[in-house]
Amino acid sequence: VMLRRSLQRACQAQAKPSGQQRLKQLFMEYGKTAIVVHYTLSIASMTLMYSLLRSGVDVSAQLRSVNLDTLADQYDSRIGGGGDKATTFFAAWCLHKALMPVRYPISAACIVAVCSRLKR
């Protein structure tokens, strides 16, 4: 029993942190600068998603092009056809949230780059 617990602890210690855990570590290490960089990138991402949707990008075709047919069908049935600004904003927010696994590593890299640049 003791050996099993020590092996579990060793495995947990060696486990690679997730993107969200890594981002939390960066916030602890770099402080306010990390928060400003992360939120700036998040606002830019959200703005980009909203702008793309408002300019008429066919979201369902883009989703189908990366083999996300089920998600494209759900998008068509719930939001498809455009709609008012609130609907477009909600769709942009959903896309923004769906891209979190992509945004976290980008945020981490930018935080390290900006903080190292500011230290000079």
Foldseek 3Di string as FASTA:
>chain_A
DVVVVVVVVVVVVPDDDALVVLLVVLCVVVPPLLVVLLVVVLVVQLVVLLVCVVVPDQVLVVCVVVPNNVVSVVCCVPQPPHDDSVSSSVVSVVVSVVCVSVSSVVSSVVSVVVSVVVVD
